[in-house]
C-alpha atoms as a PDB file:
ATOM      1  CA  UNK A   1      16.641 -87.351 211.268  1.00  0.00           C
ATOM      2  CA  UNK A   2      20.051 -88.995 211.615  1.00  0.00           C
ATOM      3  CA  UNK A   3      21.787 -85.642 211.283  1.00  0.00           C
ATOM      4  CA  UNK A   4      19.515 -84.137 213.938  1.00  0.00           C
ATOM      5  CA  UNK A   5      20.252 -87.049 216.260  1.00  0.00           C
ATOM      6  CA  UNK A   6      23.997 -86.699 215.695  1.00  0.00           C
ATOM      7  CA  UNK A   7      23.790 -82.932 216.252  1.00  0.00           C
ATOM      8  CA  UNK A   8      21.915 -83.358 219.519  1.00  0.00           C
ATOM      9  CA  UNK A   9      24.415 -85.976 220.669  1.00  0.00           C
ATOM     10  CA  UNK A  10      27.366 -83.731 219.848  1.00  0.00           C
ATOM     11  CA  UNK A  11      25.768 -80.814 221.684  1.00  0.00           C
ATOM     12  CA  UNK A  12      25.140 -82.984 224.736  1.00  0.00           C
ATOM     13  CA  UNK A  13      28.729 -84.249 224.657  1.00  0.00           C
ATOM     14  CA  UNK A  14      30.122 -80.714 224.404  1.00  0.00           C
ATOM     15  CA  UNK A  15      27.967 -79.681 227.348  1.00  0.00           C
ATOM     16  CA  UNK A  16      29.208 -82.609 229.433  1.00  0.00           C
ATOM     17  CA  UNK A  17      32.824 -81.925 228.445  1.00  0.00           C
ATOM     18  CA  UNK A  18      32.485 -78.229 229.364  1.00  0.00           C
ATOM     19  CA  UNK A  19      30.974 -79.133 232.736  1.00  0.00           C
ATOM     20  CA  UNK A  20      33.876 -81.467 233.508  1.00  0.00           C
ATOM     21  CA  UNK A  21      36.437 -78.814 232.556  1.00  0.00           C
ATOM     22  CA  UNK A  22      34.715 -76.235 234.746  1.00  0.00           C
ATOM     23  CA  UNK A  23      34.536 -78.563 237.741  1.00  0.00           C
ATOM     24  CA  UNK A  24      38.188 -79.489 237.370  1.00  0.00           C
ATOM     25  CA  UNK A  25      39.179 -75.821 237.156  1.00  0.00           C
ATOM     26  CA  UNK A  26      37.128 -74.885 240.221  1.00  0.00           C
ATOM     27  CA  UNK A  27      38.792 -77.658 242.196  1.00  0.00           C
ATOM     28  CA  UNK A  28      42.210 -76.147 241.422  1.00  0.00           C
ATOM     29  CA  UNK A  29      41.461 -72.645 242.736  1.00  0.00           C
ATOM     30  CA  UNK A  30      42.868 -71.741 246.149  1.00  0.00           C
ATOM     31  CA  UNK A  31      39.239 -71.141 247.149  1.00  0.00           C
ATOM     32  CA  UNK A  32      35.995 -71.213 245.183  1.00  0.00           C
ATOM     33  CA  UNK A  33      32.622 -70.246 246.594  1.00  0.00           C
ATOM     34  CA  UNK A  34      29.214 -71.667 245.827  1.00  0.00           C
ATOM     35  CA  UNK A  35      27.434 -71.010 242.560  1.00  0.00           C
ATOM     36  CA  UNK A  36      30.497 -69.977 240.549  1.00  0.00           C
ATOM     37  CA  UNK A  37      29.893 -70.097 236.779  1.00  0.00           C
ATOM     38  CA  UNK A  38      32.622 -70.219 234.140  1.00  0.00           C
ATOM     39  CA  UNK A  39      32.205 -69.601 230.417  1.00  0.00           C
ATOM     40  CA  UNK A  40      33.898 -71.245 227.460  1.00  0.00           C
ATOM     41  CA  UNK A  41      37.599 -71.101 226.623  1.00  0.00           C
ATOM     42  CA  UNK A  42      38.588 -69.528 229.944  1.00  0.00           C
ATOM     43  CA  UNK A  43      42.345 -69.628 230.601  1.00  0.00           C
ATOM     44  CA  UNK A  44      43.734 -69.623 234.127  1.00  0.00           C
ATOM     45  CA  UNK A  45      47.416 -69.497 235.061  1.00  0.00           C
ATOM     46  CA  UNK A  46      48.395 -70.658 238.575  1.00  0.00           C
ATOM     47  CA  UNK A  47      44.802 -71.200 239.793  1.00  0.00           C
ATOM     48  CA  UNK A  48      46.178 -72.191 243.205  1.00  0.00           C
ATOM     49  CA  UNK A  49      46.883 -68.474 243.717  1.00  0.00           C
ATOM     50  CA  UNK A  50      43.361 -67.342 242.844  1.00  0.00           C
ATOM     51  CA  UNK A  51      40.312 -67.080 245.128  1.00  0.00           C
ATOM     52  CA  UNK A  52      36.763 -66.556 243.864  1.00  0.00           C
ATOM     53  CA  UNK A  53      33.756 -65.865 246.075  1.00  0.00           C
ATOM     54  CA  UNK A  54      30.157 -67.074 246.025  1.00  0.00           C
ATOM     55  CA  UNK A  55      28.167 -66.392 242.884  1.00  0.00           C
ATOM     56  CA  UNK A  56      31.064 -65.172 240.737  1.00  0.00           C
ATOM     57  CA  UNK A  57      30.301 -65.289 237.004  1.00  0.00           C
ATOM     58  CA  UNK A  58      33.222 -65.547 234.590  1.00  0.00           C
ATOM     59  CA  UNK A  59      32.410 -65.022 230.911  1.00  0.00           C
ATOM     60  CA  UNK A  60      33.825 -66.572 227.762  1.00  0.00           C
ATOM     61  CA  UNK A  61      37.532 -66.299 226.906  1.00  0.00           C
ATOM     62  CA  UNK A  62      38.430 -64.587 230.186  1.00  0.00           C
ATOM     63  CA  UNK A  63      42.120 -64.839 231.138  1.00  0.00           C
ATOM     64  CA  UNK A  64      43.207 -64.917 234.793  1.00  0.00           C
ATOM     65  CA  UNK A  65      46.975 -64.748 234.803  1.00  0.00           C
ATOM     66  CA  UNK A  66      48.719 -65.103 238.176  1.00  0.00           C
ATOM     67  CA  UNK A  67      52.326 -64.836 237.038  1.00  0.00           C
ATOM     68  CA  UNK A  68      54.722 -66.835 239.197  1.00  0.00           C
ATOM     69  CA  UNK A  69      57.684 -66.143 236.908  1.00  0.00           C
ATOM     70  CA  UNK A  70      58.870 -64.029 233.999  1.00  0.00           C
ATOM     71  CA  UNK A  71      61.531 -66.152 232.279  1.00  0.00           C
ATOM     72  CA  UNK A  72      62.639 -63.840 229.450  1.00  0.00           C
ATOM     73  CA  UNK A  73      64.909 -61.533 231.465  1.00  0.00           C
ATOM     74  CA  UNK A  74      68.298 -62.420 232.940  1.00  0.00           C
ATOM     75  CA  UNK A  75      68.043 -63.487 235.694  1.00  0.00           C
ATOM     76  CA  UNK A  76      64.416 -64.626 235.454  1.00  0.00           C
ATOM     77  CA  UNK A  77      61.965 -62.995 237.838  1.00  0.00           C
ATOM     78  CA  UNK A  78      59.850 -64.957 240.299  1.00  0.00           C
ATOM     79  CA  UNK A  79      56.675 -63.746 241.993  1.00  0.00           C
ATOM     80  CA  UNK A  80      54.099 -64.759 244.580  1.00  0.00           C
ATOM     81  CA  UNK A  81      50.881 -63.370 243.110  1.00  0.00           C
ATOM     82  CA  UNK A  82      47.363 -63.457 244.534  1.00  0.00           C
ATOM     83  CA  UNK A  83      44.088 -62.663 242.800  1.00  0.00           C
ATOM     84  CA  UNK A  84      40.975 -62.260 244.972  1.00  0.00           C
ATOM     85  CA  UNK A  85      37.588 -61.934 243.281  1.00  0.00           C
ATOM     86  CA  UNK A  86      34.785 -61.069 245.691  1.00  0.00           C
ATOM     87  CA  UNK A  87      31.265 -62.368 246.066  1.00  0.00           C
ATOM     88  CA  UNK A  88      28.835 -61.751 243.215  1.00  0.00           C
ATOM     89  CA  UNK A  89      31.386 -60.323 240.762  1.00  0.00           C
ATOM     90  CA  UNK A  90      30.842 -60.517 237.018  1.00  0.00           C
ATOM     91  CA  UNK A  91      33.790 -60.694 234.613  1.00  0.00           C
ATOM     92  CA  UNK A  92      32.457 -60.324 231.101  1.00  0.00           C
ATOM     93  CA  UNK A  93      33.807 -61.849 227.910  1.00  0.00           C
ATOM     94  CA  UNK A  94      37.470 -61.365 226.888  1.00  0.00           C
ATOM     95  CA  UNK A  95      38.510 -59.603 230.093  1.00  0.00           C
ATOM     96  CA  UNK A  96      42.104 -60.182 231.241  1.00  0.00           C
ATOM     97  CA  UNK A  97      43.673 -59.885 234.685  1.00  0.00           C
ATOM     98  CA  UNK A  98      47.468 -60.028 235.042  1.00  0.00           C
ATOM     99  CA  UNK A  99      48.987 -60.178 238.512  1.00  0.00           C
ATOM    100  CA  UNK A 100      52.487 -60.492 239.969  1.00  0.00           C
ATOM    101  CA  UNK A 101      51.727 -59.090 243.435  1.00  0.00           C
ATOM    102  CA  UNK A 102      48.053 -58.682 244.257  1.00  0.00           C
ATOM    103  CA  UNK A 103      44.819 -57.827 242.487  1.00  0.00           C
ATOM    104  CA  UNK A 104      41.735 -57.529 244.694  1.00  0.00           C
ATOM    105  CA  UNK A 105      38.229 -57.109 243.305  1.00  0.00           C
ATOM    106  CA  UNK A 106      35.556 -56.299 245.873  1.00  0.00           C
ATOM    107  CA  UNK A 107      32.089 -57.793 246.177  1.00  0.00           C
ATOM    108  CA  UNK A 108      29.540 -57.276 243.385  1.00  0.00           C
ATOM    109  CA  UNK A 109      31.902 -55.535 240.983  1.00  0.00           C
ATOM    110  CA  UNK A 110      30.834 -55.614 237.321  1.00  0.00           C
ATOM    111  CA  UNK A 111      33.581 -55.729 234.716  1.00  0.00           C
ATOM    112  CA  UNK A 112      32.475 -55.305 231.119  1.00  0.00           C
ATOM    113  CA  UNK A 113      33.851 -56.882 227.947  1.00  0.00           C
ATOM    114  CA  UNK A 114      37.509 -56.650 226.944  1.00  0.00           C
ATOM    115  CA  UNK A 115      38.825 -54.956 230.086  1.00  0.00           C
ATOM    116  CA  UNK A 116      42.483 -55.260 231.074  1.00  0.00           C
ATOM    117  CA  UNK A 117      43.588 -55.114 234.718  1.00  0.00           C
ATOM    118  CA  UNK A 118      47.240 -55.475 235.726  1.00  0.00           C
ATOM    119  CA  UNK A 119      49.465 -54.664 238.679  1.00  0.00           C
ATOM    120  CA  UNK A 120      52.534 -54.880 236.418  1.00  0.00           C
ATOM    121  CA  UNK A 121      53.969 -53.555 233.200  1.00  0.00           C
ATOM    122  CA  UNK A 122      56.902 -54.230 230.896  1.00  0.00           C
ATOM    123  CA  UNK A 123      60.150 -52.456 231.732  1.00  0.00           C
ATOM    124  CA  UNK A 124      61.691 -50.303 229.010  1.00  0.00           C
ATOM    125  CA  UNK A 125      64.421 -48.218 230.695  1.00  0.00           C
ATOM    126  CA  UNK A 126      67.367 -49.993 229.011  1.00  0.00           C
ATOM    127  CA  UNK A 127      67.404 -48.937 225.352  1.00  0.00           C
ATOM    128  CA  UNK A 128      70.126 -51.498 224.581  1.00  0.00           C
ATOM    129  CA  UNK A 129      67.788 -54.416 225.272  1.00  0.00           C
ATOM    130  CA  UNK A 130      64.438 -55.369 223.834  1.00  0.00           C
ATOM    131  CA  UNK A 131      61.483 -54.620 226.070  1.00  0.00           C
ATOM    132  CA  UNK A 132      60.716 -58.342 226.181  1.00  0.00           C
ATOM    133  CA  UNK A 133      64.139 -59.016 227.721  1.00  0.00           C
ATOM    134  CA  UNK A 134      63.752 -56.435 230.497  1.00  0.00           C
ATOM    135  CA  UNK A 135      62.298 -57.180 233.940  1.00  0.00           C
ATOM    136  CA  UNK A 136      58.640 -56.525 234.609  1.00  0.00           C
ATOM    137  CA  UNK A 137      57.878 -53.433 236.654  1.00  0.00           C
ATOM    138  CA  UNK A 138      55.609 -54.126 239.626  1.00  0.00           C
ATOM    139  CA  UNK A 139      54.918 -50.781 241.320  1.00  0.00           C
ATOM    140  CA  UNK A 140      52.208 -51.986 243.683  1.00  0.00           C
ATOM    141  CA  UNK A 141      48.789 -53.582 243.936  1.00  0.00           C
ATOM    142  CA  UNK A 142      45.441 -53.086 242.225  1.00  0.00           C
ATOM    143  CA  UNK A 143      42.192 -53.018 244.177  1.00  0.00           C
ATOM    144  CA  UNK A 144      38.657 -52.263 243.003  1.00  0.00           C
ATOM    145  CA  UNK A 145      36.105 -51.338 245.651  1.00  0.00           C
ATOM    146  CA  UNK A 146      32.831 -53.156 246.136  1.00  0.00           C
ATOM    147  CA  UNK A 147      29.852 -52.309 243.977  1.00  0.00           C
ATOM    148  CA  UNK A 148      31.868 -50.661 241.205  1.00  0.00           C
ATOM    149  CA  UNK A 149      31.341 -50.886 237.452  1.00  0.00           C
ATOM    150  CA  UNK A 150      34.226 -51.029 234.993  1.00  0.00           C
ATOM    151  CA  UNK A 151      33.112 -50.122 231.466  1.00  0.00           C
ATOM    152  CA  UNK A 152      33.934 -51.889 228.222  1.00  0.00           C
ATOM    153  CA  UNK A 153      37.563 -51.755 227.024  1.00  0.00           C
ATOM    154  CA  UNK A 154      38.760 -50.053 230.225  1.00  0.00           C
ATOM    155  CA  UNK A 155      42.402 -50.451 231.214  1.00  0.00           C
ATOM    156  CA  UNK A 156      43.548 -50.363 234.867  1.00  0.00           C
ATOM    157  CA  UNK A 157      47.317 -50.640 235.270  1.00  0.00           C
ATOM    158  CA  UNK A 158      49.872 -50.085 238.010  1.00  0.00           C
ATOM    159  CA  UNK A 159      49.592 -49.265 241.689  1.00  0.00           C
ATOM    160  CA  UNK A 160      45.893 -48.313 241.607  1.00  0.00           C
ATOM    161  CA  UNK A 161      43.152 -48.293 244.217  1.00  0.00           C
ATOM    162  CA  UNK A 162      39.609 -47.673 242.999  1.00  0.00           C
ATOM    163  CA  UNK A 163      37.066 -46.816 245.686  1.00  0.00           C
ATOM    164  CA  UNK A 164      33.603 -48.197 246.377  1.00  0.00           C
ATOM    165  CA  UNK A 165      30.686 -47.658 244.007  1.00  0.00           C
ATOM    166  CA  UNK A 166      32.809 -46.111 241.257  1.00  0.00           C
ATOM    167  CA  UNK A 167      32.056 -46.049 237.543  1.00  0.00           C
ATOM    168  CA  UNK A 168      34.925 -46.258 235.076  1.00  0.00           C
ATOM    169  CA  UNK A 169      33.722 -45.179 231.633  1.00  0.00           C
ATOM    170  CA  UNK A 170      34.228 -47.163 228.451  1.00  0.00           C
ATOM    171  CA  UNK A 171      37.738 -47.009 226.930  1.00  0.00           C
ATOM    172  CA  UNK A 172      39.158 -45.295 230.023  1.00  0.00           C
ATOM    173  CA  UNK A 173      42.739 -45.738 231.188  1.00  0.00           C
ATOM    174  CA  UNK A 174      43.106 -45.622 234.981  1.00  0.00           C
ATOM    175  CA  UNK A 175      46.637 -45.142 236.318  1.00  0.00           C
ATOM    176  CA  UNK A 176      45.962 -43.399 239.665  1.00  0.00           C
ATOM    177  CA  UNK A 177      43.791 -43.866 242.750  1.00  0.00           C
ATOM    178  CA  UNK A 178      40.075 -43.004 242.649  1.00  0.00           C
ATOM    179  CA  UNK A 179      37.988 -42.056 245.716  1.00  0.00           C
ATOM    180  CA  UNK A 180      34.677 -43.660 246.646  1.00  0.00           C
ATOM    181  CA  UNK A 181      31.538 -42.705 244.725  1.00  0.00           C
ATOM    182  CA  UNK A 182      32.956 -41.154 241.582  1.00  0.00           C
ATOM    183  CA  UNK A 183      32.498 -41.462 237.824  1.00  0.00           C
ATOM    184  CA  UNK A 184      35.611 -41.213 235.658  1.00  0.00           C
ATOM    185  CA  UNK A 185      36.287 -41.277 231.936  1.00  0.00           C
ATOM    186  CA  UNK A 186      39.103 -40.633 229.501  1.00  0.00           C
ATOM    187  CA  UNK A 187      42.735 -41.554 228.937  1.00  0.00           C
ATOM    188  CA  UNK A 188      44.058 -40.835 231.457  1.00  0.00           C
ATOM    189  CA  UNK A 189      40.814 -41.116 233.394  1.00  0.00           C
ATOM    190  CA  UNK A 190      39.507 -37.995 235.130  1.00  0.00           C
ATOM    191  CA  UNK A 191      36.541 -37.513 237.458  1.00  0.00           C
ATOM    192  CA  UNK A 192      33.427 -36.224 235.703  1.00  0.00           C
ATOM    193  CA  UNK A 193      30.991 -36.764 238.592  1.00  0.00           C
ATOM    194  CA  UNK A 194      31.195 -37.287 242.333  1.00  0.00           C
ATOM    195  CA  UNK A 195      28.558 -38.063 244.893  1.00  0.00           C
ATOM    196  CA  UNK A 196      27.875 -35.226 247.318  1.00  0.00           C
ATOM    197  CA  UNK A 197      26.588 -36.683 250.616  1.00  0.00           C
ATOM    198  CA  UNK A 198      25.342 -33.273 251.745  1.00  0.00           C
ATOM    199  CA  UNK A 199      22.946 -32.828 248.826  1.00  0.00           C
ATOM    200  CA  UNK A 200      22.444 -36.524 248.106  1.00  0.00           C
ATOM    201  CA  UNK A 201      23.184 -35.947 244.434  1.00  0.00           C
ATOM    202  CA  UNK A 202      25.913 -36.594 241.876  1.00  0.00           C
ATOM    203  CA  UNK A 203      27.701 -33.359 240.996  1.00  0.00           C
ATOM    204  CA  UNK A 204      30.304 -32.256 238.486  1.00  0.00           C
ATOM    205  CA  UNK A 205      33.573 -31.567 240.338  1.00  0.00           C
ATOM    206  CA  UNK A 206      35.165 -28.160 240.077  1.00  0.00           C
ATOM    207  CA  UNK A 207      38.340 -27.849 238.051  1.00  0.00           C
END
């Protein structure tokens, strides 16, 4: 009985502690809509540069990394990043977003477990220096159109614009723009279906 009472008390305390952490984190965002939920062990870097819309759900161990500096190169790099997460988005467990310029996720986008989204990459052009000591490359911005679904373990890196209502298959690597209403898979990702407005059906694109 005593052990049960202690267990219930510990569970209640953990719940209260988690609620306080979530409320404090939400208060630090540049903007946070109504009904935002945040899972356990979420890490956020520079929350003042991150906006989340109404009804956003952030899963466990998600990392939102708005990088304001990269100190390991000489001279250090500084950035003014911005991450915008639209209304009704779902970021599932262990997803990471890394931003030095801008990452925009449209309304009602679903992002599955263990996805990686970045508008930057490590430089490697100088073979005389370690990759860690070289400046980050920031070719452009990443945007994901509203109503899209990013499958488990997908990787989206670089100057990439994904259209509306797209499906990115599991384990895909997206390094180029995708039009509206397409399904892609592979590494690098290629279109395997596109919506044909004339027939009202999803068709396999011609090679």
